[in-house]
Amino acid sequence: MAIQKVLPFRTSSYAAQVFLSGTNRLTTRDGYNGVPADYYIPVEQYAASHYILDDINNALSQGWINQTEYDETVAYIV
């Protein structure tokens, strides 16, 4: 699979879908396709730097992200 160019507008869109509205997942599960593999880390990094911890905690409690994805995301918070 060819590496895609990661586009900022898609990164922010995917992050909102996963962390704020629950209309997508980071990986394929729950009937969602998940974000493209090249966006997995950028989406976590975006969420860590643009969303408050309450948003990330809510995504975990709603089941939109799993514990591993949560741990990876909060590790990017500085």
PDB file of N, CA and C in Angstrom:
ATOM      1  N   MET A   1       0.838  -1.176   0.000  1.00  0.00           N
ATOM      2  CA  MET A   1       0.000   0.000   0.000  1.00  0.00           C
ATOM      3  C   MET A   1       0.884   1.240   0.000  1.00  0.00           C
ATOM      4  N   ALA A   2       0.581   2.166  -0.880  1.00  0.00           N
ATOM      5  CA  ALA A   2       1.365   3.392  -0.981  1.00  0.00           C
ATOM      6  C   ALA A   2       1.058   4.320   0.189  1.00  0.00           C
ATOM      7  N   ILE A   3       2.067   5.031   0.630  1.00  0.00           N
ATOM      8  CA  ILE A   3       1.887   5.994   1.704  1.00  0.00           C
ATOM      9  C   ILE A   3       1.188   7.226   1.140  1.00  0.00           C
ATOM     10  N   GLN A   4       0.131   7.636   1.812  1.00  0.00           N
ATOM     11  CA  GLN A   4      -0.603   8.824   1.412  1.00  0.00           C
ATOM     12  C   GLN A   4       0.062  10.057   1.998  1.00  0.00           C
ATOM     13  N   LYS A   5      -0.164  11.189   1.363  1.00  0.00           N
ATOM     14  CA  LYS A   5       0.219  12.451   1.966  1.00  0.00           C
ATOM     15  C   LYS A   5      -0.836  12.755   3.026  1.00  0.00           C
ATOM     16  N   VAL A   6      -0.404  13.028   4.236  1.00  0.00           N
ATOM     17  CA  VAL A   6      -1.339  13.330   5.325  1.00  0.00           C
ATOM     18  C   VAL A   6      -1.735  14.796   5.211  1.00  0.00           C
ATOM     19  N   LEU A   7      -3.018  15.031   5.012  1.00  0.00           N
ATOM     20  CA  LEU A   7      -3.542  16.381   4.832  1.00  0.00           C
ATOM     21  C   LEU A   7      -4.136  16.904   6.140  1.00  0.00           C
ATOM     22  N   PRO A   8      -3.754  18.112   6.543  1.00  0.00           N
ATOM     23  CA  PRO A   8      -4.234  18.652   7.817  1.00  0.00           C
ATOM     24  C   PRO A   8      -5.759  18.697   7.943  1.00  0.00           C
ATOM     25  N   PHE A   9      -6.470  19.066   6.871  1.00  0.00           N
ATOM     26  CA  PHE A   9      -7.926  19.159   6.986  1.00  0.00           C
ATOM     27  C   PHE A   9      -8.555  17.786   7.201  1.00  0.00           C
ATOM     28  N   ARG A  10      -7.946  16.763   6.656  1.00  0.00           N
ATOM     29  CA  ARG A  10      -8.464  15.413   6.899  1.00  0.00           C
ATOM     30  C   ARG A  10      -8.125  14.951   8.320  1.00  0.00           C
ATOM     31  N   THR A  11      -6.935  15.290   8.773  1.00  0.00           N
ATOM     32  CA  THR A  11      -6.532  14.925  10.133  1.00  0.00           C
ATOM     33  C   THR A  11      -7.523  15.505  11.138  1.00  0.00           C
ATOM     34  N   SER A  12      -7.841  16.774  11.013  1.00  0.00           N
ATOM     35  CA  SER A  12      -8.766  17.408  11.958  1.00  0.00           C
ATOM     36  C   SER A  12     -10.171  16.824  11.831  1.00  0.00           C
ATOM     37  N   SER A  13     -10.579  16.522  10.618  1.00  0.00           N
ATOM     38  CA  SER A  13     -11.901  15.901  10.398  1.00  0.00           C
ATOM     39  C   SER A  13     -11.981  14.519  11.030  1.00  0.00           C
ATOM     40  N   TYR A  14     -10.981  13.703  10.778  1.00  0.00           N
ATOM     41  CA  TYR A  14     -10.956  12.358  11.361  1.00  0.00           C
ATOM     42  C   TYR A  14     -10.936  12.429  12.881  1.00  0.00           C
ATOM     43  N   ALA A  15     -10.155  13.354  13.434  1.00  0.00           N
ATOM     44  CA  ALA A  15     -10.085  13.485  14.889  1.00  0.00           C
ATOM     45  C   ALA A  15     -11.455  13.831  15.467  1.00  0.00           C
ATOM     46  N   ALA A  16     -12.156  14.759  14.836  1.00  0.00           N
ATOM     47  CA  ALA A  16     -13.490  15.135  15.309  1.00  0.00           C
ATOM     48  C   ALA A  16     -14.448  13.953  15.225  1.00  0.00           C
ATOM     49  N   GLN A  17     -14.368  13.192  14.134  1.00  0.00           N
ATOM     50  CA  GLN A  17     -15.238  12.022  13.970  1.00  0.00           C
ATOM     51  C   GLN A  17     -14.997  10.999  15.073  1.00  0.00           C
ATOM     52  N   VAL A  18     -13.752  10.783  15.413  1.00  0.00           N
ATOM     53  CA  VAL A  18     -13.399   9.757  16.402  1.00  0.00           C
ATOM     54  C   VAL A  18     -13.611  10.263  17.830  1.00  0.00           C
ATOM     55  N   PHE A  19     -13.060  11.423  18.147  1.00  0.00           N
ATOM     56  CA  PHE A  19     -12.997  11.869  19.537  1.00  0.00           C
ATOM     57  C   PHE A  19     -14.174  12.728  19.990  1.00  0.00           C
ATOM     58  N   LEU A  20     -14.856  13.401  19.062  1.00  0.00           N
ATOM     59  CA  LEU A  20     -15.924  14.309  19.481  1.00  0.00           C
ATOM     60  C   LEU A  20     -17.326  13.802  19.175  1.00  0.00           C
ATOM     61  N   SER A  21     -17.495  13.114  18.046  1.00  0.00           N
ATOM     62  CA  SER A  21     -18.850  12.678  17.676  1.00  0.00           C
ATOM     63  C   SER A  21     -19.041  11.166  17.686  1.00  0.00           C
ATOM     64  N   GLY A  22     -17.946  10.417  17.696  1.00  0.00           N
ATOM     65  CA  GLY A  22     -18.064   8.961  17.704  1.00  0.00           C
ATOM     66  C   GLY A  22     -18.583   8.371  16.413  1.00  0.00           C
ATOM     67  N   THR A  23     -18.432   9.098  15.308  1.00  0.00           N
ATOM     68  CA  THR A  23     -18.933   8.615  14.014  1.00  0.00           C
ATOM     69  C   THR A  23     -17.885   7.876  13.195  1.00  0.00           C
ATOM     70  N   ASN A  24     -16.728   7.615  13.794  1.00  0.00           N
ATOM     71  CA  ASN A  24     -15.688   6.804  13.169  1.00  0.00           C
ATOM     72  C   ASN A  24     -14.831   6.240  14.296  1.00  0.00           C
ATOM     73  N   ARG A  25     -13.912   5.372  13.961  1.00  0.00           N
ATOM     74  CA  ARG A  25     -12.986   4.785  14.923  1.00  0.00           C
ATOM     75  C   ARG A  25     -11.573   4.922  14.369  1.00  0.00           C
ATOM     76  N   LEU A  26     -10.583   4.797  15.235  1.00  0.00           N
ATOM     77  CA  LEU A  26      -9.203   4.844  14.767  1.00  0.00           C
ATOM     78  C   LEU A  26      -8.872   3.613  13.941  1.00  0.00           C
ATOM     79  N   THR A  27      -9.444   2.476  14.294  1.00  0.00           N
ATOM     80  CA  THR A  27      -9.224   1.228  13.557  1.00  0.00           C
ATOM     81  C   THR A  27     -10.579   0.633  13.196  1.00  0.00           C
ATOM     82  N   THR A  28     -10.573  -0.326  12.309  1.00  0.00           N
ATOM     83  CA  THR A  28     -11.811  -0.959  11.887  1.00  0.00           C
ATOM     84  C   THR A  28     -12.428  -1.749  13.034  1.00  0.00           C
ATOM     85  N   ARG A  29     -13.593  -1.304  13.474  1.00  0.00           N
ATOM     86  CA  ARG A  29     -14.363  -2.011  14.506  1.00  0.00           C
ATOM     87  C   ARG A  29     -15.713  -1.333  14.675  1.00  0.00           C
ATOM     88  N   ASP A  30     -16.617  -2.013  15.330  1.00  0.00           N
ATOM     89  CA  ASP A  30     -17.956  -1.483  15.614  1.00  0.00           C
ATOM     90  C   ASP A  30     -18.713  -1.080  14.352  1.00  0.00           C
ATOM     91  N   GLY A  31     -18.398  -1.701  13.229  1.00  0.00           N
ATOM     92  CA  GLY A  31     -19.074  -1.365  11.985  1.00  0.00           C
ATOM     93  C   GLY A  31     -18.520  -0.136  11.275  1.00  0.00           C
ATOM     94  N   TYR A  32     -17.433   0.409  11.782  1.00  0.00           N
ATOM     95  CA  TYR A  32     -16.784   1.573  11.163  1.00  0.00           C
ATOM     96  C   TYR A  32     -15.507   1.120  10.469  1.00  0.00           C
ATOM     97  N   ASN A  33     -15.165   1.809   9.385  1.00  0.00           N
ATOM     98  CA  ASN A  33     -13.963   1.461   8.624  1.00  0.00           C
ATOM     99  C   ASN A  33     -12.680   1.871   9.324  1.00  0.00           C
ATOM    100  N   GLY A  34     -12.745   2.855  10.200  1.00  0.00           N
ATOM    101  CA  GLY A  34     -11.545   3.384  10.830  1.00  0.00           C
ATOM    102  C   GLY A  34     -10.858   4.390   9.920  1.00  0.00           C
ATOM    103  N   VAL A  35      -9.973   5.163  10.496  1.00  0.00           N
ATOM    104  CA  VAL A  35      -9.243   6.149   9.699  1.00  0.00           C
ATOM    105  C   VAL A  35      -8.175   5.417   8.879  1.00  0.00           C
ATOM    106  N   PRO A  36      -7.769   5.986   7.738  1.00  0.00           N
ATOM    107  CA  PRO A  36      -6.679   5.366   6.979  1.00  0.00           C
ATOM    108  C   PRO A  36      -5.439   5.215   7.866  1.00  0.00           C
ATOM    109  N   ALA A  37      -4.714   4.147   7.663  1.00  0.00           N
ATOM    110  CA  ALA A  37      -3.565   3.819   8.515  1.00  0.00           C
ATOM    111  C   ALA A  37      -2.565   4.965   8.634  1.00  0.00           C
ATOM    112  N   ASP A  38      -2.352   5.702   7.555  1.00  0.00           N
ATOM    113  CA  ASP A  38      -1.392   6.808   7.585  1.00  0.00           C
ATOM    114  C   ASP A  38      -1.843   7.949   8.492  1.00  0.00           C
ATOM    115  N   TYR A  39      -3.114   7.959   8.851  1.00  0.00           N
ATOM    116  CA  TYR A  39      -3.659   9.025   9.699  1.00  0.00           C
ATOM    117  C   TYR A  39      -3.760   8.635  11.168  1.00  0.00           C
ATOM    118  N   TYR A  40      -3.520   7.391  11.497  1.00  0.00           N
ATOM    119  CA  TYR A  40      -3.713   6.903  12.863  1.00  0.00           C
ATOM    120  C   TYR A  40      -2.957   7.758  13.886  1.00  0.00           C
ATOM    121  N   ILE A  41      -1.663   7.868  13.732  1.00  0.00           N
ATOM    122  CA  ILE A  41      -0.853   8.645  14.678  1.00  0.00           C
ATOM    123  C   ILE A  41      -1.142  10.141  14.570  1.00  0.00           C
ATOM    124  N   PRO A  42      -1.215  10.720  13.358  1.00  0.00           N
ATOM    125  CA  PRO A  42      -1.543  12.147  13.293  1.00  0.00           C
ATOM    126  C   PRO A  42      -2.886  12.506  13.944  1.00  0.00           C
ATOM    127  N   VAL A  43      -3.861  11.627  13.865  1.00  0.00           N
ATOM    128  CA  VAL A  43      -5.157  11.893  14.495  1.00  0.00           C
ATOM    129  C   VAL A  43      -5.013  11.882  16.016  1.00  0.00           C
ATOM    130  N   GLU A  44      -4.279  10.929  16.549  1.00  0.00           N
ATOM    131  CA  GLU A  44      -4.035  10.909  17.988  1.00  0.00           C
ATOM    132  C   GLU A  44      -3.281  12.171  18.425  1.00  0.00           C
ATOM    133  N   GLN A  45      -2.270  12.555  17.668  1.00  0.00           N
ATOM    134  CA  GLN A  45      -1.493  13.747  18.003  1.00  0.00           C
ATOM    135  C   GLN A  45      -2.353  15.009  17.934  1.00  0.00           C
ATOM    136  N   TYR A  46      -3.213  15.070  16.929  1.00  0.00           N
ATOM    137  CA  TYR A  46      -4.109  16.219  16.790  1.00  0.00           C
ATOM    138  C   TYR A  46      -5.035  16.312  17.996  1.00  0.00           C
ATOM    139  N   ALA A  47      -5.648  15.199  18.366  1.00  0.00           N
ATOM    140  CA  ALA A  47      -6.557  15.192  19.511  1.00  0.00           C
ATOM    141  C   ALA A  47      -5.834  15.613  20.785  1.00  0.00           C
ATOM    142  N   ALA A  48      -4.625  15.121  20.969  1.00  0.00           N
ATOM    143  CA  ALA A  48      -3.853  15.443  22.170  1.00  0.00           C
ATOM    144  C   ALA A  48      -3.523  16.929  22.260  1.00  0.00           C
ATOM    145  N   SER A  49      -3.317  17.558  21.121  1.00  0.00           N
ATOM    146  CA  SER A  49      -2.906  18.964  21.146  1.00  0.00           C
ATOM    147  C   SER A  49      -4.061  19.955  20.972  1.00  0.00           C
ATOM    148  N   HIS A  50      -5.235  19.482  20.530  1.00  0.00           N
ATOM    149  CA  HIS A  50      -6.341  20.402  20.267  1.00  0.00           C
ATOM    150  C   HIS A  50      -7.573  20.191  21.147  1.00  0.00           C
ATOM    151  N   TYR A  51      -7.693  19.053  21.784  1.00  0.00           N
ATOM    152  CA  TYR A  51      -8.874  18.768  22.591  1.00  0.00           C
ATOM    153  C   TYR A  51      -8.512  18.737  24.066  1.00  0.00           C
ATOM    154  N   ILE A  52      -9.490  19.063  24.894  1.00  0.00           N
ATOM    155  CA  ILE A  52      -9.246  18.983  26.329  1.00  0.00           C
ATOM    156  C   ILE A  52      -9.331  17.521  26.774  1.00  0.00           C
ATOM    157  N   LEU A  53      -8.718  17.240  27.912  1.00  0.00           N
ATOM    158  CA  LEU A  53      -8.685  15.867  28.403  1.00  0.00           C
ATOM    159  C   LEU A  53     -10.094  15.312  28.613  1.00  0.00           C
ATOM    160  N   ASP A  54     -11.040  16.154  28.989  1.00  0.00           N
ATOM    161  CA  ASP A  54     -12.422  15.689  29.153  1.00  0.00           C
ATOM    162  C   ASP A  54     -12.979  15.109  27.858  1.00  0.00           C
ATOM    163  N   ASP A  55     -12.632  15.698  26.713  1.00  0.00           N
ATOM    164  CA  ASP A  55     -13.088  15.170  25.416  1.00  0.00           C
ATOM    165  C   ASP A  55     -12.507  13.783  25.160  1.00  0.00           C
ATOM    166  N   ILE A  56     -11.234  13.625  25.471  1.00  0.00           N
ATOM    167  CA  ILE A  56     -10.563  12.335  25.251  1.00  0.00           C
ATOM    168  C   ILE A  56     -11.105  11.293  26.230  1.00  0.00           C
ATOM    169  N   ASN A  57     -11.312  11.704  27.475  1.00  0.00           N
ATOM    170  CA  ASN A  57     -11.913  10.797  28.461  1.00  0.00           C
ATOM    171  C   ASN A  57     -13.315  10.373  28.034  1.00  0.00           C
ATOM    172  N   ASN A  58     -14.088  11.313  27.495  1.00  0.00           N
ATOM    173  CA  ASN A  58     -15.441  10.994  27.034  1.00  0.00           C
ATOM    174  C   ASN A  58     -15.398   9.990  25.888  1.00  0.00           C
ATOM    175  N   ALA A  59     -14.457  10.169  24.963  1.00  0.00           N
ATOM    176  CA  ALA A  59     -14.337   9.222  23.845  1.00  0.00           C
ATOM    177  C   ALA A  59     -14.071   7.810  24.362  1.00  0.00           C
ATOM    178  N   LEU A  60     -13.252   7.704  25.402  1.00  0.00           N
ATOM    179  CA  LEU A  60     -12.987   6.403  26.002  1.00  0.00           C
ATOM    180  C   LEU A  60     -14.237   5.856  26.687  1.00  0.00           C
ATOM    181  N   SER A  61     -14.894   6.675  27.478  1.00  0.00           N
ATOM    182  CA  SER A  61     -16.068   6.187  28.216  1.00  0.00           C
ATOM    183  C   SER A  61     -17.221   5.816  27.287  1.00  0.00           C
ATOM    184  N   GLN A  62     -17.304   6.471  26.132  1.00  0.00           N
ATOM    185  CA  GLN A  62     -18.338   6.149  25.148  1.00  0.00           C
ATOM    186  C   GLN A  62     -17.980   4.918  24.304  1.00  0.00           C
ATOM    187  N   GLY A  63     -16.717   4.478  24.383  1.00  0.00           N
ATOM    188  CA  GLY A  63     -16.277   3.332  23.594  1.00  0.00           C
ATOM    189  C   GLY A  63     -15.833   3.690  22.193  1.00  0.00           C
ATOM    190  N   TRP A  64     -15.665   4.983  21.933  1.00  0.00           N
ATOM    191  CA  TRP A  64     -15.232   5.415  20.603  1.00  0.00           C
ATOM    192  C   TRP A  64     -13.754   5.135  20.389  1.00  0.00           C
ATOM    193  N   ILE A  65     -12.986   5.115  21.476  1.00  0.00           N
ATOM    194  CA  ILE A  65     -11.586   4.666  21.452  1.00  0.00           C
ATOM    195  C   ILE A  65     -11.442   3.615  22.537  1.00  0.00           C
ATOM    196  N   ASN A  66     -10.436   2.762  22.393  1.00  0.00           N
ATOM    197  CA  ASN A  66     -10.198   1.752  23.431  1.00  0.00           C
ATOM    198  C   ASN A  66      -9.073   2.229  24.359  1.00  0.00           C
ATOM    199  N   GLN A  67      -8.778   1.443  25.370  1.00  0.00           N
ATOM    200  CA  GLN A  67      -7.788   1.853  26.375  1.00  0.00           C
ATOM    201  C   GLN A  67      -6.411   2.076  25.767  1.00  0.00           C
ATOM    202  N   THR A  68      -6.010   1.211  24.841  1.00  0.00           N
ATOM    203  CA  THR A  68      -4.699   1.373  24.194  1.00  0.00           C
ATOM    204  C   THR A  68      -4.645   2.682  23.417  1.00  0.00           C
ATOM    205  N   GLU A  69      -5.696   2.974  22.659  1.00  0.00           N
ATOM    206  CA  GLU A  69      -5.750   4.221  21.885  1.00  0.00           C
ATOM    207  C   GLU A  69      -5.760   5.434  22.818  1.00  0.00           C
ATOM    208  N   TYR A  70      -6.456   5.313  23.923  1.00  0.00           N
ATOM    209  CA  TYR A  70      -6.475   6.382  24.930  1.00  0.00           C
ATOM    210  C   TYR A  70      -5.061   6.612  25.462  1.00  0.00           C
ATOM    211  N   ASP A  71      -4.396   5.557  25.867  1.00  0.00           N
ATOM    212  CA  ASP A  71      -3.049   5.667  26.422  1.00  0.00           C
ATOM    213  C   ASP A  71      -2.089   6.296  25.406  1.00  0.00           C
ATOM    214  N   GLU A  72      -2.208   5.863  24.148  1.00  0.00           N
ATOM    215  CA  GLU A  72      -1.345   6.431  23.094  1.00  0.00           C
ATOM    216  C   GLU A  72      -1.626   7.917  22.930  1.00  0.00           C
ATOM    217  N   THR A  73      -2.890   8.288  22.938  1.00  0.00           N
ATOM    218  CA  THR A  73      -3.266   9.690  22.730  1.00  0.00           C
ATOM    219  C   THR A  73      -2.785  10.573  23.865  1.00  0.00           C
ATOM    220  N   VAL A  74      -3.053  10.185  25.097  1.00  0.00           N
ATOM    221  CA  VAL A  74      -2.656  11.048  26.218  1.00  0.00           C
ATOM    222  C   VAL A  74      -1.133  11.123  26.369  1.00  0.00           C
ATOM    223  N   ALA A  75      -0.422  10.151  25.845  1.00  0.00           N
ATOM    224  CA  ALA A  75       1.043  10.200  25.880  1.00  0.00           C
ATOM    225  C   ALA A  75       1.580  11.371  25.040  1.00  0.00           C
ATOM    226  N   TYR A  76       0.786  11.850  24.094  1.00  0.00           N
ATOM    227  CA  TYR A  76       1.201  12.993  23.263  1.00  0.00           C
ATOM    228  C   TYR A  76       0.914  14.335  23.923  1.00  0.00           C
ATOM    229  N   ILE A  77       0.172  14.352  25.020  1.00  0.00           N
ATOM    230  CA  ILE A  77      -0.137  15.604  25.698  1.00  0.00           C
ATOM    231  C   ILE A  77       1.120  16.121  26.395  1.00  0.00           C
ATOM    232  N   VAL A  78       1.439  17.376  26.118  1.00  0.00           N
ATOM    233  CA  VAL A  78       2.631  17.972  26.755  1.00  0.00           C
ATOM    234  C   VAL A  78       2.257  19.082  27.712  1.00  0.00           C
TER     235      VAL A  78
END
